[in-house]
C-alpha cells in the first residue's frame, strides 16, 4: 500500500470514528431514542416467544415499556443518554480517554507546566 493510500485510509477512519456515532445519535434522536434504548429493545425482541399472538403482543408491550424508560424522554432517560454517549459510542470507537471535557483539560499540560514540572522538577512538592 502506498503512503498516499495509507494516509487516505487513516483519514477516512479518523473521520468515520468521529462523525458516524454522532450521525447515529442524531438519527435515533429523531425518534426519541438513544443507542441504549434501541439496543435494549432489539435484544429483548430476540427473546420473543412466537406463535401465540396474545403472548407476542404482551411481550412487545413489555419490550416497548422497558426500552422506553431508557429513551430520551423516559424515566431513566438520563441513564440511557449517558450510557449511550459515554458507553456505547466510546466502545464503538475504542476510545479510552477521559469521560468529559473537564477531565481532558486537566490531563493536558501547558508547555510551561511541562517544562517546569517535568524537566526541571519545579512542580514537585
PDB file of N, CA and C in Angstrom:
ATOM      1  N   UNK A   1       0.848  -1.167   0.000  1.00  0.00           N
ATOM      2  CA  UNK A   1       0.000   0.000   0.000  1.00  0.00           C
ATOM      3  C   UNK A   1       0.898   1.236   0.000  1.00  0.00           C
ATOM      4  N   UNK A   2       0.603   2.191  -0.847  1.00  0.00           N
ATOM      5  CA  UNK A   2       1.423   3.396  -0.924  1.00  0.00           C
ATOM      6  C   UNK A   2       1.131   4.308   0.264  1.00  0.00           C
ATOM      7  N   UNK A   3       2.038   5.296   0.456  1.00  0.00           N
ATOM      8  CA  UNK A   3       1.860   6.237   1.562  1.00  0.00           C
ATOM      9  C   UNK A   3       0.575   7.042   1.410  1.00  0.00           C
ATOM     10  N   UNK A   4       0.243   7.385   0.146  1.00  0.00           N
ATOM     11  CA  UNK A   4      -0.969   8.161  -0.085  1.00  0.00           C
ATOM     12  C   UNK A   4      -2.215   7.353   0.264  1.00  0.00           C
ATOM     13  N   UNK A   5      -2.222   6.079  -0.080  1.00  0.00           N
ATOM     14  CA  UNK A   5      -3.361   5.231   0.255  1.00  0.00           C
ATOM     15  C   UNK A   5      -3.466   5.054   1.764  1.00  0.00           C
ATOM     16  N   UNK A   6      -2.358   4.857   2.426  1.00  0.00           N
ATOM     17  CA  UNK A   6      -2.423   4.662   3.870  1.00  0.00           C
ATOM     18  C   UNK A   6      -2.862   5.949   4.560  1.00  0.00           C
ATOM     19  N   UNK A   7      -2.411   7.121   4.050  1.00  0.00           N
ATOM     20  CA  UNK A   7      -2.854   8.383   4.617  1.00  0.00           C
ATOM     21  C   UNK A   7      -4.353   8.545   4.404  1.00  0.00           C
ATOM     22  N   UNK A   8      -4.819   8.245   3.197  1.00  0.00           N
ATOM     23  CA  UNK A   8      -6.243   8.347   2.879  1.00  0.00           C
ATOM     24  C   UNK A   8      -7.057   7.404   3.759  1.00  0.00           C
ATOM     25  N   UNK A   9      -6.574   6.200   3.928  1.00  0.00           N
ATOM     26  CA  UNK A   9      -7.261   5.220   4.760  1.00  0.00           C
ATOM     27  C   UNK A   9      -7.308   5.680   6.213  1.00  0.00           C
ATOM     28  N   UNK A  10      -6.212   6.216   6.706  1.00  0.00           N
ATOM     29  CA  UNK A  10      -6.165   6.721   8.082  1.00  0.00           C
ATOM     30  C   UNK A  10      -7.150   7.860   8.279  1.00  0.00           C
ATOM     31  N   UNK A  11      -7.148   8.803   7.339  1.00  0.00           N
ATOM     32  CA  UNK A  11      -8.052   9.957   7.446  1.00  0.00           C
ATOM     33  C   UNK A  11      -9.517   9.518   7.376  1.00  0.00           C
ATOM     34  N   UNK A  12      -9.811   8.581   6.471  1.00  0.00           N
ATOM     35  CA  UNK A  12     -11.173   8.064   6.379  1.00  0.00           C
ATOM     36  C   UNK A  12     -11.592   7.472   7.717  1.00  0.00           C
ATOM     37  N   UNK A  13     -10.748   6.651   8.316  1.00  0.00           N
ATOM     38  CA  UNK A  13     -11.072   6.023   9.604  1.00  0.00           C
ATOM     39  C   UNK A  13     -11.222   7.051  10.713  1.00  0.00           C
ATOM     40  N   UNK A  14     -10.373   8.075  10.705  1.00  0.00           N
ATOM     41  CA  UNK A  14     -10.491   9.128  11.719  1.00  0.00           C
ATOM     42  C   UNK A  14     -11.844   9.835  11.619  1.00  0.00           C
ATOM     43  N   UNK A  15     -12.207  10.229  10.404  1.00  0.00           N
ATOM     44  CA  UNK A  15     -13.477  10.926  10.224  1.00  0.00           C
ATOM     45  C   UNK A  15     -14.664  10.011  10.481  1.00  0.00           C
ATOM     46  N   UNK A  16     -14.555   8.769  10.067  1.00  0.00           N
ATOM     47  CA  UNK A  16     -15.625   7.804  10.306  1.00  0.00           C
ATOM     48  C   UNK A  16     -15.864   7.660  11.812  1.00  0.00           C
ATOM     49  N   UNK A  17     -14.790   7.462  12.566  1.00  0.00           N
ATOM     50  CA  UNK A  17     -14.909   7.283  14.018  1.00  0.00           C
ATOM     51  C   UNK A  17     -15.398   8.541  14.711  1.00  0.00           C
ATOM     52  N   UNK A  18     -15.106   9.694  14.139  1.00  0.00           N
ATOM     53  CA  UNK A  18     -15.534  10.943  14.764  1.00  0.00           C
ATOM     54  C   UNK A  18     -16.987  11.279  14.457  1.00  0.00           C
ATOM     55  N   UNK A  19     -17.449  11.026  13.229  1.00  0.00           N
ATOM     56  CA  UNK A  19     -18.753  11.531  12.818  1.00  0.00           C
ATOM     57  C   UNK A  19     -19.876  10.503  12.759  1.00  0.00           C
ATOM     58  N   UNK A  20     -19.591   9.247  12.507  1.00  0.00           N
ATOM     59  CA  UNK A  20     -20.667   8.265  12.387  1.00  0.00           C
ATOM     60  C   UNK A  20     -21.418   8.085  13.710  1.00  0.00           C
ATOM     61  N   UNK A  21     -20.745   7.985  14.867  1.00  0.00           N
ATOM     62  CA  UNK A  21     -21.525   7.900  16.111  1.00  0.00           C
ATOM     63  C   UNK A  21     -22.432   9.116  16.312  1.00  0.00           C
ATOM     64  N   UNK A  22     -21.944  10.286  15.927  1.00  0.00           N
ATOM     65  CA  UNK A  22     -22.758  11.496  16.047  1.00  0.00           C
ATOM     66  C   UNK A  22     -23.983  11.411  15.134  1.00  0.00           C
ATOM     67  N   UNK A  23     -23.777  10.968  13.890  1.00  0.00           N
ATOM     68  CA  UNK A  23     -24.905  10.821  12.954  1.00  0.00           C
ATOM     69  C   UNK A  23     -25.912   9.793  13.457  1.00  0.00           C
ATOM     70  N   UNK A  24     -25.423   8.687  13.999  1.00  0.00           N
ATOM     71  CA  UNK A  24     -26.330   7.668  14.546  1.00  0.00           C
ATOM     72  C   UNK A  24     -27.149   8.246  15.696  1.00  0.00           C
ATOM     73  N   UNK A  25     -26.493   9.006  16.575  1.00  0.00           N
ATOM     74  CA  UNK A  25     -27.206   9.630  17.693  1.00  0.00           C
ATOM     75  C   UNK A  25     -28.282  10.588  17.205  1.00  0.00           C
ATOM     76  N   UNK A  26     -27.961  11.391  16.195  1.00  0.00           N
ATOM     77  CA  UNK A  26     -28.934  12.348  15.655  1.00  0.00           C
ATOM     78  C   UNK A  26     -30.117  11.630  15.011  1.00  0.00           C
ATOM     79  N   UNK A  27     -29.849  10.563  14.280  1.00  0.00           N
ATOM     80  CA  UNK A  27     -30.918   9.800  13.639  1.00  0.00           C
ATOM     81  C   UNK A  27     -31.850   9.194  14.691  1.00  0.00           C
ATOM     82  N   UNK A  28     -31.288   8.565  15.705  1.00  0.00           N
ATOM     83  CA  UNK A  28     -32.119   7.960  16.748  1.00  0.00           C
ATOM     84  C   UNK A  28     -32.871   9.022  17.549  1.00  0.00           C
ATOM     85  N   UNK A  29     -32.259  10.196  17.743  1.00  0.00           N
ATOM     86  CA  UNK A  29     -32.920  11.273  18.490  1.00  0.00           C
ATOM     87  C   UNK A  29     -34.174  11.756  17.777  1.00  0.00           C
ATOM     88  N   UNK A  30     -34.207  11.641  16.463  1.00  0.00           N
ATOM     89  CA  UNK A  30     -35.404  11.996  15.698  1.00  0.00           C
ATOM     90  C   UNK A  30     -36.606  11.209  16.172  1.00  0.00           C
ATOM     91  N   UNK A  31     -36.368   9.987  16.597  1.00  0.00           N
ATOM     92  CA  UNK A  31     -37.444   9.103  17.049  1.00  0.00           C
ATOM     93  C   UNK A  31     -37.536   9.047  18.571  1.00  0.00           C
ATOM     94  N   UNK A  32     -36.801   9.930  19.258  1.00  0.00           N
ATOM     95  CA  UNK A  32     -36.817   9.962  20.712  1.00  0.00           C
ATOM     96  C   UNK A  32     -36.041   8.828  21.347  1.00  0.00           C
ATOM     97  N   UNK A  33     -35.162   8.228  20.595  1.00  0.00           N
ATOM     98  CA  UNK A  33     -34.389   7.085  21.082  1.00  0.00           C
ATOM     99  C   UNK A  33     -32.938   7.492  21.313  1.00  0.00           C
ATOM    100  N   UNK A  34     -32.211   6.610  21.976  1.00  0.00           N
ATOM    101  CA  UNK A  34     -30.759   6.680  22.030  1.00  0.00           C
ATOM    102  C   UNK A  34     -30.254   5.265  21.800  1.00  0.00           C
ATOM    103  N   UNK A  35     -28.954   5.095  21.700  1.00  0.00           N
ATOM    104  CA  UNK A  35     -28.421   3.770  21.365  1.00  0.00           C
ATOM    105  C   UNK A  35     -28.728   2.743  22.451  1.00  0.00           C
ATOM    106  N   UNK A  36     -28.773   3.177  23.696  1.00  0.00           N
ATOM    107  CA  UNK A  36     -29.059   2.250  24.791  1.00  0.00           C
ATOM    108  C   UNK A  36     -30.487   1.718  24.696  1.00  0.00           C
ATOM    109  N   UNK A  37     -31.454   2.599  24.509  1.00  0.00           N
ATOM    110  CA  UNK A  37     -32.849   2.144  24.431  1.00  0.00           C
ATOM    111  C   UNK A  37     -33.075   1.305  23.171  1.00  0.00           C
ATOM    112  N   UNK A  38     -32.494   1.725  22.055  1.00  0.00           N
ATOM    113  CA  UNK A  38     -32.650   0.981  20.807  1.00  0.00           C
ATOM    114  C   UNK A  38     -32.053  -0.423  20.940  1.00  0.00           C
ATOM    115  N   UNK A  39     -30.857  -0.512  21.483  1.00  0.00           N
ATOM    116  CA  UNK A  39     -30.197  -1.813  21.651  1.00  0.00           C
ATOM    117  C   UNK A  39     -30.965  -2.694  22.625  1.00  0.00           C
ATOM    118  N   UNK A  40     -31.469  -2.100  23.701  1.00  0.00           N
ATOM    119  CA  UNK A  40     -32.257  -2.866  24.673  1.00  0.00           C
ATOM    120  C   UNK A  40     -33.486  -3.473  24.008  1.00  0.00           C
ATOM    121  N   UNK A  41     -34.203  -2.669  23.236  1.00  0.00           N
ATOM    122  CA  UNK A  41     -35.401  -3.173  22.546  1.00  0.00           C
ATOM    123  C   UNK A  41     -35.046  -4.275  21.554  1.00  0.00           C
ATOM    124  N   UNK A  42     -33.976  -4.078  20.791  1.00  0.00           N
ATOM    125  CA  UNK A  42     -33.589  -5.082  19.795  1.00  0.00           C
ATOM    126  C   UNK A  42     -33.179  -6.399  20.455  1.00  0.00           C
ATOM    127  N   UNK A  43     -32.455  -6.322  21.561  1.00  0.00           N
ATOM    128  CA  UNK A  43     -32.038  -7.544  22.252  1.00  0.00           C
ATOM    129  C   UNK A  43     -33.232  -8.261  22.877  1.00  0.00           C
ATOM    130  N   UNK A  44     -34.163  -7.499  23.431  1.00  0.00           N
ATOM    131  CA  UNK A  44     -35.354  -8.121  24.013  1.00  0.00           C
ATOM    132  C   UNK A  44     -36.257  -8.733  22.944  1.00  0.00           C
ATOM    133  N   UNK A  45     -36.292  -8.147  21.755  1.00  0.00           N
ATOM    134  CA  UNK A  45     -37.101  -8.707  20.667  1.00  0.00           C
ATOM    135  C   UNK A  45     -36.589 -10.071  20.231  1.00  0.00           C
ATOM    136  N   UNK A  46     -35.326 -10.332  20.432  1.00  0.00           N
ATOM    137  CA  UNK A  46     -34.762 -11.637  20.071  1.00  0.00           C
ATOM    138  C   UNK A  46     -35.282 -12.746  20.979  1.00  0.00           C
ATOM    139  N   UNK A  47     -35.806 -12.378  22.142  1.00  0.00           N
ATOM    140  CA  UNK A  47     -36.286 -13.376  23.098  1.00  0.00           C
ATOM    141  C   UNK A  47     -37.789 -13.620  22.993  1.00  0.00           C
ATOM    142  N   UNK A  48     -38.440 -13.029  21.999  1.00  0.00           N
ATOM    143  CA  UNK A  48     -39.886 -13.169  21.868  1.00  0.00           C
ATOM    144  C   UNK A  48     -40.301 -14.621  21.630  1.00  0.00           C
ATOM    145  N   UNK A  49     -41.374 -14.992  22.296  1.00  0.00           N
ATOM    146  CA  UNK A  49     -41.980 -16.299  22.067  1.00  0.00           C
ATOM    147  C   UNK A  49     -42.938 -16.105  20.901  1.00  0.00           C
ATOM    148  N   UNK A  50     -42.740 -16.858  19.845  1.00  0.00           N
ATOM    149  CA  UNK A  50     -43.602 -16.674  18.675  1.00  0.00           C
ATOM    150  C   UNK A  50     -44.673 -17.754  18.637  1.00  0.00           C
ATOM    151  N   UNK A  51     -45.696 -17.473  17.903  1.00  0.00           N
ATOM    152  CA  UNK A  51     -46.762 -18.452  17.723  1.00  0.00           C
ATOM    153  C   UNK A  51     -48.066 -18.028  18.358  1.00  0.00           C
ATOM    154  N   UNK A  52     -48.018 -17.464  19.534  1.00  0.00           N
ATOM    155  CA  UNK A  52     -49.234 -17.051  20.216  1.00  0.00           C
ATOM    156  C   UNK A  52     -49.321 -15.532  20.147  1.00  0.00           C
ATOM    157  N   UNK A  53     -50.313 -15.036  19.418  1.00  0.00           N
ATOM    158  CA  UNK A  53     -50.427 -13.600  19.192  1.00  0.00           C
ATOM    159  C   UNK A  53     -50.602 -12.808  20.482  1.00  0.00           C
ATOM    160  N   UNK A  54     -51.363 -13.339  21.411  1.00  0.00           N
ATOM    161  CA  UNK A  54     -51.580 -12.653  22.687  1.00  0.00           C
ATOM    162  C   UNK A  54     -50.290 -12.512  23.482  1.00  0.00           C
ATOM    163  N   UNK A  55     -49.508 -13.585  23.542  1.00  0.00           N
ATOM    164  CA  UNK A  55     -48.239 -13.549  24.271  1.00  0.00           C
ATOM    165  C   UNK A  55     -47.260 -12.607  23.564  1.00  0.00           C
ATOM    166  N   UNK A  56     -47.228 -12.675  22.233  1.00  0.00           N
ATOM    167  CA  UNK A  56     -46.337 -11.794  21.470  1.00  0.00           C
ATOM    168  C   UNK A  56     -46.687 -10.323  21.685  1.00  0.00           C
ATOM    169  N   UNK A  57     -47.981 -10.000  21.707  1.00  0.00           N
ATOM    170  CA  UNK A  57     -48.400  -8.616  21.958  1.00  0.00           C
ATOM    171  C   UNK A  57     -48.024  -8.162  23.360  1.00  0.00           C
ATOM    172  N   UNK A  58     -48.192  -9.059  24.333  1.00  0.00           N
ATOM    173  CA  UNK A  58     -47.805  -8.738  25.704  1.00  0.00           C
ATOM    174  C   UNK A  58     -46.296  -8.491  25.791  1.00  0.00           C
ATOM    175  N   UNK A  59     -45.523  -9.357  25.158  1.00  0.00           N
ATOM    176  CA  UNK A  59     -44.070  -9.180  25.172  1.00  0.00           C
ATOM    177  C   UNK A  59     -43.663  -7.884  24.479  1.00  0.00           C
ATOM    178  N   UNK A  60     -44.292  -7.559  23.375  1.00  0.00           N
ATOM    179  CA  UNK A  60     -43.964  -6.311  22.669  1.00  0.00           C
ATOM    180  C   UNK A  60     -44.259  -5.108  23.554  1.00  0.00           C
ATOM    181  N   UNK A  61     -45.343  -5.176  24.319  1.00  0.00           N
ATOM    182  CA  UNK A  61     -45.653  -4.096  25.259  1.00  0.00           C
ATOM    183  C   UNK A  61     -44.602  -3.958  26.342  1.00  0.00           C
ATOM    184  N   UNK A  62     -44.126  -5.082  26.863  1.00  0.00           N
ATOM    185  CA  UNK A  62     -43.075  -5.058  27.885  1.00  0.00           C
ATOM    186  C   UNK A  62     -41.780  -4.510  27.285  1.00  0.00           C
ATOM    187  N   UNK A  63     -41.454  -4.966  26.089  1.00  0.00           N
ATOM    188  CA  UNK A  63     -40.232  -4.507  25.417  1.00  0.00           C
ATOM    189  C   UNK A  63     -40.281  -2.997  25.195  1.00  0.00           C
ATOM    190  N   UNK A  64     -41.402  -2.508  24.694  1.00  0.00           N
ATOM    191  CA  UNK A  64     -41.557  -1.076  24.458  1.00  0.00           C
ATOM    192  C   UNK A  64     -41.492  -0.308  25.773  1.00  0.00           C
ATOM    193  N   UNK A  65     -42.076  -0.855  26.812  1.00  0.00           N
ATOM    194  CA  UNK A  65     -42.056  -0.196  28.120  1.00  0.00           C
ATOM    195  C   UNK A  65     -40.668  -0.126  28.717  1.00  0.00           C
ATOM    196  N   UNK A  66     -39.954  -1.238  28.672  1.00  0.00           N
ATOM    197  CA  UNK A  66     -38.599  -1.269  29.245  1.00  0.00           C
ATOM    198  C   UNK A  66     -37.662  -0.382  28.430  1.00  0.00           C
ATOM    199  N   UNK A  67     -37.664  -0.548  27.115  1.00  0.00           N
ATOM    200  CA  UNK A  67     -36.815   0.282  26.265  1.00  0.00           C
ATOM    201  C   UNK A  67     -37.198   1.748  26.320  1.00  0.00           C
ATOM    202  N   UNK A  68     -38.497   2.007  26.462  1.00  0.00           N
ATOM    203  CA  UNK A  68     -38.975   3.385  26.542  1.00  0.00           C
ATOM    204  C   UNK A  68     -38.508   4.106  27.789  1.00  0.00           C
ATOM    205  N   UNK A  69     -38.262   3.373  28.848  1.00  0.00           N
ATOM    206  CA  UNK A  69     -37.749   4.009  30.064  1.00  0.00           C
ATOM    207  C   UNK A  69     -36.330   4.528  29.872  1.00  0.00           C
ATOM    208  N   UNK A  70     -35.584   3.907  28.956  1.00  0.00           N
ATOM    209  CA  UNK A  70     -34.199   4.312  28.705  1.00  0.00           C
ATOM    210  C   UNK A  70     -34.062   5.334  27.583  1.00  0.00           C
ATOM    211  N   UNK A  71     -35.173   5.623  26.854  1.00  0.00           N
ATOM    212  CA  UNK A  71     -35.042   6.613  25.782  1.00  0.00           C
ATOM    213  C   UNK A  71     -34.990   8.018  26.373  1.00  0.00           C
ATOM    214  N   UNK A  72     -34.785   8.992  25.526  1.00  0.00           N
ATOM    215  CA  UNK A  72     -34.517  10.366  25.973  1.00  0.00           C
ATOM    216  C   UNK A  72     -35.629  10.960  26.833  1.00  0.00           C
ATOM    217  N   UNK A  73     -36.868  10.537  26.619  1.00  0.00           N
ATOM    218  CA  UNK A  73     -37.985  11.100  27.374  1.00  0.00           C
ATOM    219  C   UNK A  73     -38.486  10.169  28.471  1.00  0.00           C
ATOM    220  N   UNK A  74     -37.814   9.066  28.682  1.00  0.00           N
ATOM    221  CA  UNK A  74     -38.247   8.098  29.668  1.00  0.00           C
ATOM    222  C   UNK A  74     -37.790   8.428  31.074  1.00  0.00           C
ATOM    223  N   UNK A  75     -38.250   7.632  32.016  1.00  0.00           N
ATOM    224  CA  UNK A  75     -37.910   7.816  33.427  1.00  0.00           C
ATOM    225  C   UNK A  75     -36.400   7.707  33.646  1.00  0.00           C
ATOM    226  N   UNK A  76     -35.761   6.802  32.946  1.00  0.00           N
ATOM    227  CA  UNK A  76     -34.311   6.621  33.052  1.00  0.00           C
ATOM    228  C   UNK A  76     -33.592   7.217  31.845  1.00  0.00           C
ATOM    229  N   UNK A  77     -34.154   8.296  31.297  1.00  0.00           N
ATOM    230  CA  UNK A  77     -33.592   8.928  30.108  1.00  0.00           C
ATOM    231  C   UNK A  77     -32.168   9.400  30.290  1.00  0.00           C
ATOM    232  N   UNK A  78     -31.876   9.964  31.463  1.00  0.00           N
ATOM    233  CA  UNK A  78     -30.508  10.444  31.707  1.00  0.00           C
ATOM    234  C   UNK A  78     -29.518   9.284  31.731  1.00  0.00           C
ATOM    235  N   UNK A  79     -29.938   8.170  32.299  1.00  0.00           N
ATOM    236  CA  UNK A  79     -29.082   6.979  32.322  1.00  0.00           C
ATOM    237  C   UNK A  79     -28.866   6.461  30.904  1.00  0.00           C
ATOM    238  N   UNK A  80     -29.937   6.396  30.125  1.00  0.00           N
ATOM    239  CA  UNK A  80     -29.842   5.928  28.748  1.00  0.00           C
ATOM    240  C   UNK A  80     -28.978   6.828  27.889  1.00  0.00           C
ATOM    241  N   UNK A  81     -29.168   8.151  28.019  1.00  0.00           N
ATOM    242  CA  UNK A  81     -28.374   9.094  27.221  1.00  0.00           C
ATOM    243  C   UNK A  81     -26.902   9.027  27.593  1.00  0.00           C
ATOM    244  N   UNK A  82     -26.612   8.978  28.882  1.00  0.00           N
ATOM    245  CA  UNK A  82     -25.212   8.927  29.325  1.00  0.00           C
ATOM    246  C   UNK A  82     -24.549   7.633  28.903  1.00  0.00           C
ATOM    247  N   UNK A  83     -25.220   6.512  29.109  1.00  0.00           N
ATOM    248  CA  UNK A  83     -24.604   5.243  28.721  1.00  0.00           C
ATOM    249  C   UNK A  83     -24.474   5.139  27.206  1.00  0.00           C
ATOM    250  N   UNK A  84     -25.370   5.790  26.482  1.00  0.00           N
ATOM    251  CA  UNK A  84     -25.271   5.794  25.026  1.00  0.00           C
ATOM    252  C   UNK A  84     -24.051   6.585  24.569  1.00  0.00           C
ATOM    253  N   UNK A  85     -23.885   7.784  25.116  1.00  0.00           N
ATOM    254  CA  UNK A  85     -22.780   8.641  24.692  1.00  0.00           C
ATOM    255  C   UNK A  85     -21.443   8.194  25.271  1.00  0.00           C
ATOM    256  N   UNK A  86     -21.416   7.918  26.563  1.00  0.00           N
ATOM    257  CA  UNK A  86     -20.150   7.607  27.222  1.00  0.00           C
ATOM    258  C   UNK A  86     -19.808   6.122  27.177  1.00  0.00           C
ATOM    259  N   UNK A  87     -20.783   5.286  26.953  1.00  0.00           N
ATOM    260  CA  UNK A  87     -20.516   3.850  26.917  1.00  0.00           C
ATOM    261  C   UNK A  87     -20.478   3.286  25.513  1.00  0.00           C
ATOM    262  N   UNK A  88     -21.618   3.329  24.844  1.00  0.00           N
ATOM    263  CA  UNK A  88     -21.731   2.696  23.526  1.00  0.00           C
ATOM    264  C   UNK A  88     -20.840   3.386  22.501  1.00  0.00           C
ATOM    265  N   UNK A  89     -20.917   4.721  22.416  1.00  0.00           N
ATOM    266  CA  UNK A  89     -20.110   5.430  21.429  1.00  0.00           C
ATOM    267  C   UNK A  89     -18.621   5.225  21.668  1.00  0.00           C
ATOM    268  N   UNK A  90     -18.207   5.294  22.932  1.00  0.00           N
ATOM    269  CA  UNK A  90     -16.787   5.115  23.245  1.00  0.00           C
ATOM    270  C   UNK A  90     -16.341   3.685  22.950  1.00  0.00           C
ATOM    271  N   UNK A  91     -17.198   2.722  23.211  1.00  0.00           N
ATOM    272  CA  UNK A  91     -16.849   1.325  22.925  1.00  0.00           C
ATOM    273  C   UNK A  91     -16.727   1.091  21.423  1.00  0.00           C
ATOM    274  N   UNK A  92     -17.618   1.702  20.646  1.00  0.00           N
ATOM    275  CA  UNK A  92     -17.542   1.558  19.189  1.00  0.00           C
ATOM    276  C   UNK A  92     -16.246   2.132  18.634  1.00  0.00           C
ATOM    277  N   UNK A  93     -15.809   3.241  19.209  1.00  0.00           N
ATOM    278  CA  UNK A  93     -14.588   3.889  18.720  1.00  0.00           C
ATOM    279  C   UNK A  93     -13.331   3.306  19.354  1.00  0.00           C
ATOM    280  N   UNK A  94     -13.480   2.525  20.420  1.00  0.00           N
ATOM    281  CA  UNK A  94     -12.314   2.039  21.141  1.00  0.00           C
ATOM    282  C   UNK A  94     -11.646   3.160  21.928  1.00  0.00           C
ATOM    283  N   UNK A  95     -12.447   4.154  22.317  1.00  0.00           N
ATOM    284  CA  UNK A  95     -11.951   5.341  22.997  1.00  0.00           C
ATOM    285  C   UNK A  95     -11.724   5.047  24.473  1.00  0.00           C
ATOM    286  N   UNK A  96     -10.558   5.368  24.979  1.00  0.00           N
ATOM    287  CA  UNK A  96     -10.274   5.142  26.392  1.00  0.00           C
ATOM    288  C   UNK A  96      -9.900   6.431  27.101  1.00  0.00           C
ATOM    289  N   UNK A  97     -10.156   7.565  26.478  1.00  0.00           N
ATOM    290  CA  UNK A  97      -9.794   8.858  27.056  1.00  0.00           C
ATOM    291  C   UNK A  97     -10.721   9.250  28.194  1.00  0.00           C
ATOM    292  N   UNK A  98     -10.521  10.466  28.734  1.00  0.00           N
ATOM    293  CA  UNK A  98     -11.365  10.948  29.822  1.00  0.00           C
ATOM    294  C   UNK A  98     -12.836  10.992  29.423  1.00  0.00           C
ATOM    295  N   UNK A  99     -13.712  10.852  30.397  1.00  0.00           N
ATOM    296  CA  UNK A  99     -15.142  10.803  30.116  1.00  0.00           C
ATOM    297  C   UNK A  99     -15.741  12.162  29.785  1.00  0.00           C
ATOM    298  N   UNK A 100     -15.156  13.239  30.285  1.00  0.00           N
ATOM    299  CA  UNK A 100     -15.743  14.539  29.972  1.00  0.00           C
ATOM    300  C   UNK A 100     -14.651  15.555  29.653  1.00  0.00           C
ATOM    301  N   UNK A 101     -15.016  16.648  29.005  1.00  0.00           N
ATOM    302  CA  UNK A 101     -14.027  17.631  28.580  1.00  0.00           C
ATOM    303  C   UNK A 101     -13.248  18.253  29.735  1.00  0.00           C
ATOM    304  N   UNK A 102     -13.880  18.399  30.912  1.00  0.00           N
ATOM    305  CA  UNK A 102     -13.172  18.980  32.052  1.00  0.00           C
ATOM    306  C   UNK A 102     -12.001  18.095  32.465  1.00  0.00           C
ATOM    307  N   UNK A 103     -12.207  16.793  32.461  1.00  0.00           N
ATOM    308  CA  UNK A 103     -11.126  15.870  32.789  1.00  0.00           C
ATOM    309  C   UNK A 103     -10.049  15.890  31.712  1.00  0.00           C
ATOM    310  N   UNK A 104     -10.453  16.068  30.468  1.00  0.00           N
ATOM    311  CA  UNK A 104      -9.491  16.127  29.370  1.00  0.00           C
ATOM    312  C   UNK A 104      -8.592  17.349  29.527  1.00  0.00           C
ATOM    313  N   UNK A 105      -9.176  18.481  29.928  1.00  0.00           N
ATOM    314  CA  UNK A 105      -8.368  19.686  30.118  1.00  0.00           C
ATOM    315  C   UNK A 105      -7.393  19.514  31.275  1.00  0.00           C
ATOM    316  N   UNK A 106      -7.819  18.840  32.350  1.00  0.00           N
ATOM    317  CA  UNK A 106      -6.914  18.593  33.470  1.00  0.00           C
ATOM    318  C   UNK A 106      -5.736  17.728  33.037  1.00  0.00           C
ATOM    319  N   UNK A 107      -6.008  16.766  32.159  1.00  0.00           N
ATOM    320  CA  UNK A 107      -4.965  15.850  31.714  1.00  0.00           C
ATOM    321  C   UNK A 107      -3.946  16.542  30.824  1.00  0.00           C
ATOM    322  N   UNK A 108      -4.339  17.607  30.122  1.00  0.00           N
ATOM    323  CA  UNK A 108      -3.417  18.319  29.246  1.00  0.00           C
ATOM    324  C   UNK A 108      -2.612  19.315  30.062  1.00  0.00           C
ATOM    325  N   UNK A 109      -1.338  19.361  29.803  1.00  0.00           N
ATOM    326  CA  UNK A 109      -0.480  20.318  30.484  1.00  0.00           C
ATOM    327  C   UNK A 109      -0.005  21.341  29.475  1.00  0.00           C
ATOM    328  N   UNK A 110       0.142  22.564  29.929  1.00  0.00           N
ATOM    329  CA  UNK A 110       0.706  23.604  29.081  1.00  0.00           C
ATOM    330  C   UNK A 110       2.214  23.420  28.973  1.00  0.00           C
ATOM    331  N   UNK A 111       2.839  24.098  28.016  1.00  0.00           N
ATOM    332  CA  UNK A 111       4.272  23.916  27.810  1.00  0.00           C
ATOM    333  C   UNK A 111       5.059  24.393  29.019  1.00  0.00           C
ATOM    334  N   UNK A 112       4.585  25.445  29.684  1.00  0.00           N
ATOM    335  CA  UNK A 112       5.301  25.951  30.866  1.00  0.00           C
ATOM    336  C   UNK A 112       5.231  24.977  32.019  1.00  0.00           C
ATOM    337  N   UNK A 113       4.082  24.396  32.244  1.00  0.00           N
ATOM    338  CA  UNK A 113       3.918  23.421  33.327  1.00  0.00           C
ATOM    339  C   UNK A 113       4.750  22.173  33.058  1.00  0.00           C
ATOM    340  N   UNK A 114       4.760  21.753  31.822  1.00  0.00           N
ATOM    341  CA  UNK A 114       5.560  20.583  31.454  1.00  0.00           C
ATOM    342  C   UNK A 114       7.031  20.882  31.642  1.00  0.00           C
ATOM    343  N   UNK A 115       7.458  22.057  31.228  1.00  0.00           N
ATOM    344  CA  UNK A 115       8.863  22.429  31.327  1.00  0.00           C
ATOM    345  C   UNK A 115       9.311  22.517  32.780  1.00  0.00           C
ATOM    346  N   UNK A 116       8.565  23.246  33.609  1.00  0.00           N
ATOM    347  CA  UNK A 116       8.979  23.431  34.991  1.00  0.00           C
ATOM    348  C   UNK A 116       8.743  22.195  35.839  1.00  0.00           C
ATOM    349  N   UNK A 117       7.615  21.522  35.610  1.00  0.00           N
ATOM    350  CA  UNK A 117       7.285  20.363  36.424  1.00  0.00           C
ATOM    351  C   UNK A 117       7.917  19.074  35.941  1.00  0.00           C
ATOM    352  N   UNK A 118       8.075  18.970  34.639  1.00  0.00           N
ATOM    353  CA  UNK A 118       8.556  17.712  34.083  1.00  0.00           C
ATOM    354  C   UNK A 118      10.051  17.646  33.928  1.00  0.00           C
ATOM    355  N   UNK A 119      10.638  18.680  33.337  1.00  0.00           N
ATOM    356  CA  UNK A 119      12.053  18.600  33.011  1.00  0.00           C
ATOM    357  C   UNK A 119      12.956  19.063  34.158  1.00  0.00           C
ATOM    358  N   UNK A 120      12.539  20.086  34.859  1.00  0.00           N
ATOM    359  CA  UNK A 120      13.405  20.648  35.888  1.00  0.00           C
ATOM    360  C   UNK A 120      12.973  20.289  37.296  1.00  0.00           C
ATOM    361  N   UNK A 121      11.844  19.607  37.453  1.00  0.00           N
ATOM    362  CA  UNK A 121      11.403  19.186  38.779  1.00  0.00           C
ATOM    363  C   UNK A 121      10.826  20.312  39.611  1.00  0.00           C
ATOM    364  N   UNK A 122      10.503  21.444  38.997  1.00  0.00           N
ATOM    365  CA  UNK A 122       9.982  22.578  39.724  1.00  0.00           C
ATOM    366  C   UNK A 122       8.585  22.375  40.280  1.00  0.00           C
ATOM    367  N   UNK A 123       7.838  21.456  39.714  1.00  0.00           N
ATOM    368  CA  UNK A 123       6.478  21.220  40.170  1.00  0.00           C
ATOM    369  C   UNK A 123       6.368  20.221  41.295  1.00  0.00           C
ATOM    370  N   UNK A 124       7.490  19.614  41.704  1.00  0.00           N
ATOM    371  CA  UNK A 124       7.448  18.622  42.789  1.00  0.00           C
ATOM    372  C   UNK A 124       7.304  19.310  44.123  1.00  0.00           C
ATOM    373  N   UNK A 125       6.565  18.665  44.997  1.00  0.00           N
ATOM    374  CA  UNK A 125       6.360  19.221  46.345  1.00  0.00           C
ATOM    375  C   UNK A 125       6.846  18.256  47.371  1.00  0.00           C
TER     376      UNK A 125
END
